[in-house]
Protein backbone atom coordinates (compact mmCIF):
# COMPACT_ATOMS: atom_id res chain seq x y z
CA MET A 1 -24.14 -56.00 -43.55
CA GLY A 2 -24.05 -54.01 -46.63
CA LEU A 3 -21.12 -52.33 -48.32
CA LYS A 4 -22.17 -48.77 -47.23
CA GLU A 5 -22.30 -50.02 -43.57
CA VAL A 6 -18.84 -51.53 -43.68
CA GLN A 7 -17.46 -48.33 -45.30
CA GLU A 8 -19.14 -46.29 -42.65
CA LYS A 9 -17.66 -48.37 -39.94
CA ILE A 10 -14.13 -47.95 -41.35
CA LYS A 11 -14.60 -44.30 -41.43
CA LYS A 12 -15.77 -44.17 -37.88
CA ARG A 13 -12.50 -46.11 -36.78
CA LYS A 14 -10.29 -43.81 -38.76
CA ARG A 15 -11.94 -40.90 -37.13
CA ARG A 16 -11.47 -42.41 -33.74
CA ARG A 17 -7.93 -43.22 -34.58
CA ARG A 18 -7.24 -39.58 -35.69
CA ARG A 19 -8.64 -38.17 -32.53
CA ARG A 20 -6.53 -40.43 -30.41
CA ILE A 21 -3.53 -39.44 -32.31
CA LEU A 22 -4.29 -35.77 -32.09
CA THR A 23 -5.14 -36.11 -28.35
CA PHE A 24 -1.82 -37.87 -27.74
CA LEU A 25 0.18 -35.29 -29.75
CA PHE A 26 -1.66 -32.49 -27.85
CA LEU A 27 -0.80 -34.03 -24.43
CA ALA A 28 2.69 -34.56 -25.61
CA PHE A 29 3.02 -30.92 -26.58
CA LEU A 30 1.72 -29.68 -23.26
CA MET A 31 4.09 -32.02 -21.42
CA ALA A 32 6.88 -30.64 -23.44
CA ILE A 33 5.86 -27.12 -22.65
CA GLY A 34 5.58 -27.99 -18.94
CA ILE A 35 9.25 -29.67 -18.82
CA PHE A 36 10.59 -26.59 -20.65
CA LEU A 37 8.90 -24.18 -18.14
CA VAL A 38 10.29 -26.22 -15.24
CA LYS A 39 13.72 -27.05 -16.48
CA ALA A 40 14.60 -23.88 -18.54
CA PRO A 41 17.30 -21.82 -16.65
CA VAL A 42 15.58 -18.63 -18.01
CA PHE A 43 12.78 -19.36 -15.29
CA SER A 44 15.16 -19.80 -12.51
CA ILE A 45 14.44 -17.02 -9.86
CA ALA A 46 17.15 -14.50 -9.97
CA GLU A 47 15.53 -11.39 -8.06
CA VAL A 48 13.29 -11.37 -5.11
CA GLU A 49 11.53 -8.07 -4.04
CA LEU A 50 9.70 -7.31 -0.82
CA LEU A 51 7.21 -4.60 -0.56
CA GLY A 52 4.58 -3.29 2.01
CA ASN A 53 6.51 -4.05 5.10
CA VAL A 54 6.69 -1.18 7.40
CA LYS A 55 6.66 -2.75 10.93
CA ILE A 56 7.93 -6.14 9.92
CA PRO A 57 11.75 -5.88 9.31
CA ALA A 58 12.92 -7.54 5.99
CA SER A 59 15.70 -9.19 7.93
CA VAL A 60 13.08 -11.50 9.57
CA ILE A 61 12.52 -13.46 6.19
CA GLN A 62 15.80 -12.38 4.36
CA ASN A 63 17.38 -15.87 4.43
CA GLU A 64 14.29 -17.43 3.15
CA LEU A 65 14.10 -14.87 0.38
CA GLU A 66 17.54 -15.46 -0.64
CA GLY A 67 17.02 -19.21 -0.54
CA LEU A 68 14.35 -19.01 -3.31
CA LYS A 69 16.96 -17.76 -5.75
CA GLY A 70 17.78 -20.57 -8.21
CA GLN A 71 14.41 -22.25 -7.83
CA ASN A 72 11.87 -22.38 -10.64
CA ILE A 73 9.54 -19.44 -10.76
CA PHE A 74 6.48 -21.66 -11.33
CA ILE A 75 6.90 -24.30 -8.66
CA PHE A 76 8.77 -22.52 -5.85
CA LYS A 77 7.32 -22.96 -2.20
CA ASP A 78 6.37 -19.90 -0.30
CA LYS A 79 4.85 -21.81 2.55
CA GLU A 80 8.15 -21.32 4.76
CA ILE A 81 7.98 -17.50 4.29
CA LYS A 82 4.28 -17.36 5.22
CA GLY A 83 4.91 -19.65 8.18
CA ILE A 84 7.70 -17.29 9.54
CA LEU A 85 5.55 -14.14 8.97
CA GLU A 86 2.60 -15.76 10.86
CA TYR A 87 4.52 -15.27 14.07
CA GLN A 88 4.83 -11.52 13.46
CA SER A 89 2.03 -9.52 15.30
CA TYR A 90 1.79 -7.04 12.56
CA PHE A 91 1.31 -9.72 9.79
CA GLU A 92 -2.14 -9.92 8.11
CA GLY A 93 -1.34 -11.55 4.74
CA ILE A 94 0.97 -11.70 1.99
CA ASP A 95 0.51 -11.58 -1.89
CA VAL A 96 2.84 -13.35 -4.43
CA LYS A 97 3.35 -12.02 -7.86
CA ARG A 98 5.63 -13.78 -10.50
CA SER A 99 7.11 -11.28 -12.84
CA LEU A 100 8.39 -13.35 -15.76
CA PRO A 101 10.86 -14.64 -16.57
CA ASN A 102 12.76 -14.76 -13.21
CA LYS A 103 11.42 -12.10 -10.67
CA VAL A 104 9.08 -12.68 -7.64
CA ILE A 105 7.49 -9.84 -5.72
CA PHE A 106 6.16 -10.39 -2.26
CA THR A 107 3.85 -7.69 -0.90
CA ILE A 108 3.09 -7.93 2.73
CA ARG A 109 -0.16 -6.78 4.24
CA GLU A 110 0.25 -5.52 7.66
CA LYS A 111 -2.27 -4.77 10.41
CA LYS A 112 -3.01 -1.10 11.20
CA PRO A 113 -2.50 0.19 14.78
CA GLU A 114 -5.54 2.27 15.63
CA VAL A 115 -5.70 2.10 19.55
CA ASN A 116 -3.33 3.47 22.18
CA TYR A 117 -3.74 1.40 25.33
CA ASN A 118 -2.03 2.78 28.43
CA ASN A 119 -1.55 0.02 31.00
CA GLY A 120 0.69 0.73 34.03
CA GLY A 121 2.51 3.65 32.23
CA THR A 122 3.39 1.62 29.08
CA VAL A 123 1.62 2.49 25.82
CA SER A 124 0.63 -0.54 23.71
CA LEU A 125 -0.66 -0.38 20.19
CA LEU A 126 -3.80 -2.47 19.21
CA THR A 127 -5.84 -2.90 16.20
CA ARG A 128 -9.39 -1.53 16.18
CA ASP A 129 -10.81 -4.81 17.42
CA GLY A 130 -8.06 -5.18 20.18
CA VAL A 131 -5.41 -7.37 18.83
CA LEU A 132 -1.99 -6.40 20.43
CA LEU A 133 0.53 -5.30 17.88
CA GLU A 134 3.31 -3.67 19.95
CA VAL A 135 4.26 -3.02 23.54
CA GLY A 136 6.29 0.01 24.68
CA ALA A 137 5.50 2.26 21.70
CA ASN A 138 5.02 5.88 21.20
CA PRO A 139 1.31 6.82 20.98
CA ILE A 140 -0.08 7.23 17.46
CA GLU A 141 -2.13 10.33 16.54
CA ASP A 142 -5.89 10.20 15.48
CA ALA A 143 -6.41 6.93 17.28
CA VAL A 144 -8.52 5.84 20.09
CA THR A 145 -6.87 6.09 23.66
CA LEU A 146 -8.26 3.03 25.51
CA ILE A 147 -8.57 3.02 29.35
CA ASP A 148 -9.18 -0.27 30.95
CA ASN A 149 -7.57 -2.64 33.62
CA THR A 150 -7.26 -5.66 31.30
CA PRO A 151 -3.77 -7.24 31.47
CA ILE A 152 -1.68 -7.12 28.35
CA PRO A 153 -1.85 -10.34 26.27
CA GLU A 154 0.85 -11.76 24.15
CA LEU A 155 1.75 -10.20 20.85
CA GLY A 156 -0.73 -10.91 18.10
CA MET A 157 -3.54 -12.01 20.55
CA SER A 158 -6.71 -10.10 21.51
CA LEU A 159 -6.99 -7.95 24.53
CA TYR A 160 -10.50 -9.33 24.97
CA PRO A 161 -10.41 -13.02 23.95
CA GLU A 162 -13.27 -13.83 26.19
CA ASP A 163 -15.20 -10.54 26.15
CA LYS A 164 -16.61 -10.02 22.63
CA GLN A 165 -18.74 -7.20 23.99
CA LYS A 166 -15.65 -5.10 24.70
CA ALA A 167 -13.93 -5.93 21.44
CA ASN A 168 -17.15 -5.15 19.50
CA LEU A 169 -17.60 -1.86 21.36
CA LEU A 170 -14.02 -0.77 20.85
CA GLU A 171 -14.28 -1.45 16.94
CA GLU A 172 -17.64 0.36 16.87
CA PHE A 173 -16.21 3.38 18.68
CA ARG A 174 -13.25 3.61 16.40
CA TYR A 175 -15.66 3.27 13.41
CA LEU A 176 -17.79 6.28 14.66
CA GLN A 177 -14.68 8.26 15.54
CA GLU A 178 -13.53 8.05 11.94
CA ARG A 179 -16.92 9.10 10.67
CA ASN A 180 -17.35 12.04 13.17
CA ILE A 181 -17.52 15.08 10.71
CA SER A 182 -18.06 17.60 13.50
CA SER A 183 -15.38 19.62 15.13
CA THR A 184 -16.11 17.96 18.57
CA LYS A 185 -13.93 14.81 18.78
CA PHE A 186 -13.83 12.08 21.53
CA PRO A 187 -10.30 10.50 21.48
CA THR A 188 -10.84 8.47 24.62
CA LEU A 189 -12.90 5.38 25.50
CA ASP A 190 -13.18 4.27 29.05
CA LEU A 191 -14.17 0.61 29.48
CA ARG A 192 -13.22 -0.02 33.21
CA ASP A 193 -16.92 -0.22 34.01
CA MET A 194 -19.16 -1.69 31.37
CA LYS A 195 -22.22 -0.30 33.32
CA ASN A 196 -20.80 3.22 33.09
CA ILE A 197 -18.80 3.54 29.80
CA LYS A 198 -17.17 6.91 29.53
CA THR A 199 -15.57 9.24 26.90
CA TYR A 200 -14.16 12.66 27.28
CA TYR A 201 -14.01 15.92 25.57
CA ASN A 202 -11.62 18.53 27.17
CA ASP A 203 -12.52 18.86 30.73
CA LEU A 204 -16.11 17.38 30.11
CA GLU A 205 -16.75 13.73 31.12
CA VAL A 206 -19.37 12.12 28.85
CA ARG A 207 -21.09 9.25 30.64
CA LEU A 208 -22.35 6.89 28.06
CA GLY A 209 -23.71 4.32 30.51
CA TYR A 210 -24.35 0.78 29.04
CA PRO A 211 -23.04 -0.11 25.66
CA ASP A 212 -26.19 0.33 23.73
CA SER A 213 -27.19 3.04 21.28
CA LEU A 214 -23.47 4.28 21.04
CA LYS A 215 -23.93 6.34 17.93
CA ASP A 216 -26.97 8.15 19.27
CA LYS A 217 -25.21 8.86 22.47
CA LEU A 218 -22.23 10.32 20.80
CA ASN A 219 -24.48 12.44 18.45
CA HIS A 220 -26.42 13.74 21.39
CA ALA A 221 -23.36 14.74 23.18
CA ILE A 222 -21.92 16.51 20.30
CA ASN A 223 -25.27 18.47 19.92
CA ILE A 224 -25.22 19.34 23.56
CA ILE A 225 -21.56 20.55 23.49
CA GLU A 226 -21.86 22.44 20.42
CA GLY A 227 -25.44 23.78 20.93
CA ALA A 228 -24.62 25.14 24.35
CA SER A 229 -20.95 26.18 23.86
CA LEU A 230 -19.63 23.86 26.46
CA GLU A 231 -16.22 23.51 24.81
CA ALA A 232 -14.50 25.20 27.81
CA THR A 233 -16.81 23.89 30.53
CA LYS A 234 -15.68 21.63 33.44
CA GLY A 235 -18.21 18.96 34.42
CA TYR A 236 -20.01 16.02 32.93
CA ILE A 237 -22.82 15.06 30.50
CA ASP A 238 -24.77 11.96 31.65
CA LEU A 239 -26.24 10.21 28.58
CA SER A 240 -27.00 6.82 30.31
CA PHE A 241 -30.53 7.57 29.10
CA TYR A 242 -29.69 9.76 26.11
CA GLU A 243 -33.13 10.93 25.64
CA ASN A 244 -33.05 12.58 29.05
CA PRO A 245 -29.45 13.85 29.49
CA VAL A 246 -28.12 15.39 32.56
CA VAL A 247 -25.62 18.21 32.40
CA TYR A 248 -23.49 19.53 35.19
CA PRO A 249 -23.12 22.38 35.68
CA GLU A 250 -26.78 22.76 34.62
CA THR A 251 -26.43 26.50 34.26
CA ALA A 252 -24.12 25.91 31.31
CA VAL A 253 -27.07 24.63 29.30
CA GLU A 254 -29.63 27.10 28.10
CA SER A 255 -31.26 25.98 24.84
CA PRO A 256 -29.04 23.36 23.00
CA VAL A 257 -32.07 22.19 20.86
CA GLU A 258 -32.28 25.45 18.94
CA THR A 259 -28.68 25.09 17.53
CA ILE A 260 -28.59 21.27 17.29
CA VAL A 261 -26.44 19.63 14.78
CA GLU A 262 -28.24 16.82 12.88
CA SER A 263 -26.36 13.43 12.95
CA PRO A 264 -22.66 14.63 12.99
CA VAL A 265 -21.55 11.02 13.14
CA GLU A 266 -22.35 9.58 9.79
CA ASN A 267 -23.62 6.07 9.09
């Protein structure tokens, strides 16, 4: 082995030794920072703020929130708070934000009531897909009024756990209700008979039949009502086969096609 080769080996060893030393110093520096962040009193939680809760009372988790004070802001455990909130029917999720050096902000995301379900004279509030949020509540405005004979489930559970067709239909009806840009609104959905689904407009009963082509049927009903000025008419519109609707009383309909409103329910 020549002199140059020996010198090159020595240089390589020195470089490796320097890298090891630098790596050790860097890891030691990171460890020191970590210990400082975990142990420094300045990072002990002194303030906890709760936002977003409207239906869920703060008192439900107040003790747990107070219990966080004094814990380190980087390593505190919020699983207990989430575990308690999971039993609240309105709870959908929670976001945690650390505001350095010592404040934690919890923002609760609540489920939105969008359906009034009147069962046995008691109004219950549901989500658009049928999850029960509250029993014995005041009806909410601009919501779907659901008519059915299904027994009330436990809070936080679906009204239709075994009937996905009804749950999907309720959600679709609510979706179309929101996107109805016409002046003819359908606030009610009657699911007592899935072979003869109904909705209502003033004194008009709108028979939708089976749960197919819901958007087309609702659009067709709006066109007939507005095109023939049926706003004050008592009777029914049978859209079981929406391409050939039946209107009673028939004398109320003269020529709705001439004043048809194109797609009042948006996509």
